[in-house]
C-alpha atoms as a PDB file:
ATOM      1  CA  MET A   1     -19.042 -47.659 -49.579  1.00  0.00           C
ATOM      2  CA  GLU A   2     -17.787 -48.548 -53.016  1.00  0.00           C
ATOM      3  CA  MET A   3     -18.246 -46.264 -55.958  1.00  0.00           C
ATOM      4  CA  SER A   4     -19.195 -47.781 -59.238  1.00  0.00           C
ATOM      5  CA  ASN A   5     -17.004 -46.830 -62.152  1.00  0.00           C
ATOM      6  CA  SER A   6     -17.761 -46.593 -65.801  1.00  0.00           C
ATOM      7  CA  THR A   7     -15.697 -45.844 -68.871  1.00  0.00           C
ATOM      8  CA  CYS A   8     -16.101 -42.701 -70.978  1.00  0.00           C
ATOM      9  CA  VAL A   9     -17.041 -43.689 -74.555  1.00  0.00           C
ATOM     10  CA  ALA A  10     -15.148 -40.720 -76.051  1.00  0.00           C
ATOM     11  CA  CYS A  11     -11.759 -40.902 -74.248  1.00  0.00           C
ATOM     12  CA  GLN A  12     -11.853 -44.339 -72.551  1.00  0.00           C
ATOM     13  CA  HIS A  13     -10.956 -43.007 -69.070  1.00  0.00           C
ATOM     14  CA  GLN A  14     -12.405 -44.567 -65.942  1.00  0.00           C
ATOM     15  CA  ILE A  15     -14.891 -42.115 -64.370  1.00  0.00           C
ATOM     16  CA  ASP A  16     -17.674 -42.208 -61.760  1.00  0.00           C
ATOM     17  CA  ALA A  17     -20.838 -43.884 -62.985  1.00  0.00           C
ATOM     18  CA  GLY A  18     -23.009 -40.983 -61.804  1.00  0.00           C
ATOM     19  CA  ALA A  19     -21.081 -38.376 -63.799  1.00  0.00           C
ATOM     20  CA  LYS A  20     -23.056 -36.508 -66.434  1.00  0.00           C
ATOM     21  CA  LEU A  21     -19.913 -35.111 -67.984  1.00  0.00           C
ATOM     22  CA  CYS A  22     -16.442 -36.630 -68.429  1.00  0.00           C
ATOM     23  CA  PRO A  23     -13.906 -34.570 -66.433  1.00  0.00           C
ATOM     24  CA  TYR A  24     -11.183 -35.413 -68.982  1.00  0.00           C
ATOM     25  CA  CYS A  25     -12.774 -34.652 -72.323  1.00  0.00           C
ATOM     26  CA  GLY A  26     -16.039 -32.880 -71.439  1.00  0.00           C
ATOM     27  CA  ALA A  27     -18.227 -35.318 -73.416  1.00  0.00           C
ATOM     28  CA  ASP A  28     -21.332 -37.219 -72.305  1.00  0.00           C
ATOM     29  CA  PRO A  29     -19.795 -40.479 -70.913  1.00  0.00           C
ATOM     30  CA  ARG A  30     -22.676 -42.651 -72.226  1.00  0.00           C
ATOM     31  CA  THR A  31     -22.913 -41.351 -75.791  1.00  0.00           C
ATOM     32  CA  GLY A  32     -19.492 -39.704 -76.332  1.00  0.00           C
ATOM     33  CA  GLU A  33     -21.259 -36.608 -77.675  1.00  0.00           C
ATOM     34  CA  LYS A  34     -19.518 -33.294 -76.903  1.00  0.00           C
ATOM     35  CA  LEU A  35     -21.791 -31.037 -74.897  1.00  0.00           C
ATOM     36  CA  ASP A  36     -21.880 -27.283 -74.545  1.00  0.00           C
ATOM     37  CA  THR A  37     -20.472 -27.053 -71.029  1.00  0.00           C
ATOM     38  CA  GLN A  38     -21.391 -23.396 -70.654  1.00  0.00           C
ATOM     39  CA  ALA A  39     -25.054 -24.152 -71.321  1.00  0.00           C
ATOM     40  CA  LEU A  40     -24.904 -27.046 -68.862  1.00  0.00           C
ATOM     41  CA  LEU A  41     -23.329 -24.828 -66.203  1.00  0.00           C
ATOM     42  CA  GLN A  42     -25.958 -22.156 -66.831  1.00  0.00           C
ATOM     43  CA  GLU A  43     -28.661 -24.782 -66.394  1.00  0.00           C
ATOM     44  CA  VAL A  44     -27.212 -26.153 -63.127  1.00  0.00           C
ATOM     45  CA  PHE A  45     -25.942 -22.867 -61.663  1.00  0.00           C
ATOM     46  CA  LYS A  46     -28.493 -20.205 -62.518  1.00  0.00           C
ATOM     47  CA  PRO A  47     -26.973 -16.719 -62.413  1.00  0.00           C
ATOM     48  CA  ARG A  48     -28.690 -14.259 -60.106  1.00  0.00           C
ATOM     49  CA  GLU A  49     -29.743 -10.809 -61.144  1.00  0.00           C
ATOM     50  CA  VAL A  50     -27.591  -8.063 -59.585  1.00  0.00           C
ATOM     51  CA  THR A  51     -28.010  -4.303 -59.558  1.00  0.00           C
ATOM     52  CA  THR A  52     -25.291  -1.868 -60.590  1.00  0.00           C
ATOM     53  CA  SER A  53     -24.391  -0.977 -57.000  1.00  0.00           C
ATOM     54  CA  GLN A  54     -24.112  -4.675 -56.082  1.00  0.00           C
ATOM     55  CA  SER A  55     -21.861  -5.324 -59.044  1.00  0.00           C
ATOM     56  CA  VAL A  56     -19.628  -2.366 -58.128  1.00  0.00           C
ATOM     57  CA  MET A  57     -19.323  -3.647 -54.553  1.00  0.00           C
ATOM     58  CA  GLU A  58     -18.582  -7.164 -55.813  1.00  0.00           C
ATOM     59  CA  PHE A  59     -15.942  -5.728 -58.148  1.00  0.00           C
ATOM     60  CA  ALA A  60     -14.383  -3.858 -55.227  1.00  0.00           C
ATOM     61  CA  ARG A  61     -14.372  -6.994 -53.045  1.00  0.00           C
ATOM     62  CA  GLN A  62     -12.677  -9.050 -55.754  1.00  0.00           C
ATOM     63  CA  ARG A  63     -10.016  -6.409 -56.299  1.00  0.00           C
ATOM     64  CA  GLN A  64      -9.677  -5.144 -52.750  1.00  0.00           C
ATOM     65  CA  GLY A  65      -5.916  -4.543 -52.905  1.00  0.00           C
ATOM     66  CA  ALA A  66      -6.193  -2.497 -56.080  1.00  0.00           C
ATOM     67  CA  VAL A  67      -9.092  -0.464 -54.682  1.00  0.00           C
ATOM     68  CA  ILE A  68      -7.122   0.327 -51.511  1.00  0.00           C
ATOM     69  CA  ALA A  69      -4.051   1.297 -53.555  1.00  0.00           C
ATOM     70  CA  ILE A  70      -6.115   3.590 -55.794  1.00  0.00           C
ATOM     71  CA  ALA A  71      -7.794   5.166 -52.740  1.00  0.00           C
ATOM     72  CA  ALA A  72      -4.374   5.792 -51.146  1.00  0.00           C
ATOM     73  CA  ILE A  73      -3.068   7.387 -54.351  1.00  0.00           C
ATOM     74  CA  VAL A  74      -6.140   9.614 -54.594  1.00  0.00           C
ATOM     75  CA  ALA A  75      -5.681  10.665 -50.931  1.00  0.00           C
ATOM     76  CA  VAL A  76      -2.010  11.535 -51.508  1.00  0.00           C
ATOM     77  CA  VAL A  77      -2.872  13.531 -54.636  1.00  0.00           C
ATOM     78  CA  LEU A  78      -5.594  15.428 -52.744  1.00  0.00           C
ATOM     79  CA  LEU A  79      -3.235  16.201 -49.872  1.00  0.00           C
ATOM     80  CA  GLY A  80      -0.620  17.405 -52.360  1.00  0.00           C
ATOM     81  CA  ALA A  81      -3.195  19.654 -54.009  1.00  0.00           C
ATOM     82  CA  VAL A  82      -4.202  21.140 -50.651  1.00  0.00           C
ATOM     83  CA  LEU A  83      -0.538  21.714 -49.787  1.00  0.00           C
ATOM     84  CA  GLN A  84       0.060  23.482 -53.100  1.00  0.00           C
ATOM     85  CA  TRP A  85      -3.023  25.664 -52.581  1.00  0.00           C
ATOM     86  CA  VAL A  86      -1.914  26.612 -49.045  1.00  0.00           C
ATOM     87  CA  ASN A  87       1.623  27.424 -50.215  1.00  0.00           C
ATOM     88  CA  ALA A  88       0.319  29.552 -53.086  1.00  0.00           C
ATOM     89  CA  ARG A  89      -2.084  31.382 -50.754  1.00  0.00           C
ATOM     90  CA  ASN A  90       0.664  32.015 -48.200  1.00  0.00           C
ATOM     91  CA  ALA A  91       2.921  33.392 -50.943  1.00  0.00           C
ATOM     92  CA  ARG A  92       0.179  35.842 -52.029  1.00  0.00           C
ATOM     93  CA  GLU A  93      -1.099  36.858 -48.605  1.00  0.00           C
ATOM     94  CA  VAL A  94       2.224  37.662 -46.898  1.00  0.00           C
ATOM     95  CA  SER A  95       2.142  40.653 -44.543  1.00  0.00           C
ATOM     96  CA  ASN A  96       4.702  43.429 -44.990  1.00  0.00           C
ATOM     97  CA  SER A  97       4.955  44.080 -41.258  1.00  0.00           C
ATOM     98  CA  THR A  98       7.959  42.925 -39.283  1.00  0.00           C
ATOM     99  CA  ALA A  99       7.834  39.515 -37.757  1.00  0.00           C
ATOM    100  CA  VAL A 100       7.647  39.102 -33.989  1.00  0.00           C
ATOM    101  CA  SER A 101       9.851  36.409 -32.595  1.00  0.00           C
ATOM    102  CA  LEU A 102       8.331  33.858 -30.313  1.00  0.00           C
ATOM    103  CA  ALA A 103      10.856  34.741 -27.584  1.00  0.00           C
ATOM    104  CA  GLU A 104       9.504  38.308 -27.464  1.00  0.00           C
ATOM    105  CA  VAL A 105       5.968  37.057 -27.063  1.00  0.00           C
ATOM    106  CA  THR A 106       6.737  34.632 -24.245  1.00  0.00           C
ATOM    107  CA  ASP A 107       9.525  36.436 -22.329  1.00  0.00           C
ATOM    108  CA  LEU A 108       8.039  38.013 -19.189  1.00  0.00           C
ATOM    109  CA  SER A 109      11.266  39.471 -17.823  1.00  0.00           C
ATOM    110  CA  GLY A 110      11.154  42.560 -20.053  1.00  0.00           C
ATOM    111  CA  GLN A 111       7.590  43.504 -19.128  1.00  0.00           C
ATOM    112  CA  GLN A 112       6.515  46.268 -16.796  1.00  0.00           C
ATOM    113  CA  GLU A 113       6.214  45.609 -13.114  1.00  0.00           C
ATOM    114  CA  GLN A 114       2.433  45.910 -13.261  1.00  0.00           C
ATOM    115  CA  THR A 115       2.087  42.719 -15.248  1.00  0.00           C
ATOM    116  CA  GLN A 116       4.648  40.681 -13.313  1.00  0.00           C
ATOM    117  CA  GLN A 117       3.427  38.329 -10.634  1.00  0.00           C
ATOM    118  CA  LEU A 118       3.705  39.740  -7.109  1.00  0.00           C
ATOM    119  CA  PRO A 119       5.708  37.783  -4.559  1.00  0.00           C
ATOM    120  CA  MET A 120       3.881  36.089  -1.716  1.00  0.00           C
ATOM    121  CA  PRO A 121       3.857  38.191   1.480  1.00  0.00           C
ATOM    122  CA  GLN A 122       5.638  36.870   4.549  1.00  0.00           C
ATOM    123  CA  MET A 123       3.085  35.206   6.805  1.00  0.00           C
ATOM    124  CA  ASP A 124       3.926  34.862  10.479  1.00  0.00           C
ATOM    125  CA  PHE A 125       1.847  32.324  12.306  1.00  0.00           C
ATOM    126  CA  GLN A 126       1.295  32.599  16.024  1.00  0.00           C
ATOM    127  CA  PHE A 127       1.654  29.319  17.759  1.00  0.00           C
ATOM    128  CA  GLU A 128       1.806  30.499  21.383  1.00  0.00           C
ATOM    129  CA  GLY A 129       5.374  29.329  21.817  1.00  0.00           C
ATOM    130  CA  GLN A 130       4.515  25.703  21.151  1.00  0.00           C
ATOM    131  CA  PRO A 131       5.314  24.798  17.541  1.00  0.00           C
ATOM    132  CA  LYS A 132       3.228  21.759  16.689  1.00  0.00           C
ATOM    133  CA  THR A 133       1.962  20.195  13.558  1.00  0.00           C
ATOM    134  CA  MET A 134      -1.335  21.784  12.657  1.00  0.00           C
ATOM    135  CA  ARG A 135      -4.208  19.363  13.102  1.00  0.00           C
ATOM    136  CA  THR A 136      -7.339  19.769  11.083  1.00  0.00           C
ATOM    137  CA  PHE A 137     -10.576  18.032  11.856  1.00  0.00           C
ATOM    138  CA  VAL A 138     -13.285  17.864   9.240  1.00  0.00           C
ATOM    139  CA  LEU A 139     -16.659  17.909  10.893  1.00  0.00           C
ATOM    140  CA  GLU A 140     -19.413  16.155   9.084  1.00  0.00           C
ATOM    141  CA  PRO A 141     -23.074  16.148  10.051  1.00  0.00           C
ATOM    142  CA  GLY A 142     -23.444  13.756  12.970  1.00  0.00           C
ATOM    143  CA  ALA A 143     -19.697  13.660  13.690  1.00  0.00           C
ATOM    144  CA  VAL A 144     -18.510  13.639  17.302  1.00  0.00           C
ATOM    145  CA  LYS A 145     -15.416  15.522  18.462  1.00  0.00           C
ATOM    146  CA  PRO A 146     -12.623  13.330  19.838  1.00  0.00           C
ATOM    147  CA  PRO A 147     -12.388  13.374  23.669  1.00  0.00           C
ATOM    148  CA  GLU A 148      -8.882  14.913  23.641  1.00  0.00           C
ATOM    149  CA  VAL A 149     -10.195  17.834  21.577  1.00  0.00           C
ATOM    150  CA  ILE A 150     -13.094  18.384  24.004  1.00  0.00           C
ATOM    151  CA  ALA A 151     -10.660  18.273  26.978  1.00  0.00           C
ATOM    152  CA  ALA A 152      -8.318  20.761  25.256  1.00  0.00           C
ATOM    153  CA  GLU A 153     -11.224  23.128  24.516  1.00  0.00           C
ATOM    154  CA  GLN A 154     -12.466  22.956  28.129  1.00  0.00           C
ATOM    155  CA  ALA A 155      -8.948  23.599  29.472  1.00  0.00           C
ATOM    156  CA  ALA A 156      -8.532  26.598  27.172  1.00  0.00           C
ATOM    157  CA  ALA A 157     -11.927  27.970  28.213  1.00  0.00           C
ATOM    158  CA  ALA A 158     -11.092  27.516  31.912  1.00  0.00           C
ATOM    159  CA  ALA A 159      -7.730  29.255  31.446  1.00  0.00           C
ATOM    160  CA  LYS A 160      -9.420  32.102  29.602  1.00  0.00           C
ATOM    161  CA  GLN A 161     -12.004  32.505  32.400  1.00  0.00           C
ATOM    162  CA  ALA A 162      -9.315  32.442  35.062  1.00  0.00           C
ATOM    163  CA  ALA A 163      -7.346  35.135  33.241  1.00  0.00           C
ATOM    164  CA  ALA A 164     -10.446  37.274  32.693  1.00  0.00           C
ATOM    165  CA  ALA A 165     -11.909  36.921  36.212  1.00  0.00           C
ATOM    166  CA  PRO A 166     -10.850  39.717  38.633  1.00  0.00           C
ATOM    167  CA  GLN A 167      -8.330  38.632  41.247  1.00  0.00           C
ATOM    168  CA  PRO A 168      -9.814  38.702  44.726  1.00  0.00           C
ATOM    169  CA  ALA A 169      -8.442  41.725  46.484  1.00  0.00           C
ATOM    170  CA  ALA A 170      -6.554  41.298  49.682  1.00  0.00           C
ATOM    171  CA  PRO A 171      -8.805  41.790  52.692  1.00  0.00           C
ATOM    172  CA  ALA A 172      -9.057  45.427  53.462  1.00  0.00           C
ATOM    173  CA  PRO A 173      -7.555  46.501  56.760  1.00  0.00           C
ATOM    174  CA  PRO A 174     -10.152  47.254  59.354  1.00  0.00           C
ATOM    175  CA  PRO A 175     -11.075  50.893  59.510  1.00  0.00           C
ATOM    176  CA  PRO A 176      -9.210  52.860  62.159  1.00  0.00           C
ATOM    177  CA  ALA A 177     -11.102  53.243  65.285  1.00  0.00           C
ATOM    178  CA  HIS A 178     -12.135  56.740  66.272  1.00  0.00           C
ATOM    179  CA  ARG A 179     -11.239  57.721  69.710  1.00  0.00           C
END
């Protein structure tokens, strides 16, 4: 697509035929008359009405780096002011009592025996002469004991019954006969 060209009457530059304004001199290309470009821009690009808060936000967006720098400076100044206030308060409110070192607060070796932790007592486990690893079974509802556990329980119960049952006495000798 070819563009048609025309010549500006005021400055004699080749410009687009559809141009309403010469980009070189700002005049009307047909008549050569200088136009008020601001009025033309206002006519084409109508400004919108903005509120004060919108204009402040737009100002902040356009100058974002400066706004961040000012905010950082304000934060540092506020922190400095708080530090000065705390230092001045600490200088006024100092206690006249003696200071307690942190080692005295945390050292447990110099405390009475009542507050020291008691040692664990010696615990002797009875394992019936057969030291084995302790086995623990967690029984859940519906769980079934393993067969080896059932056999071990039955054997222990039988041994316990055999030990508790009285031994059959030897047959008593027949009573002496009376003559």
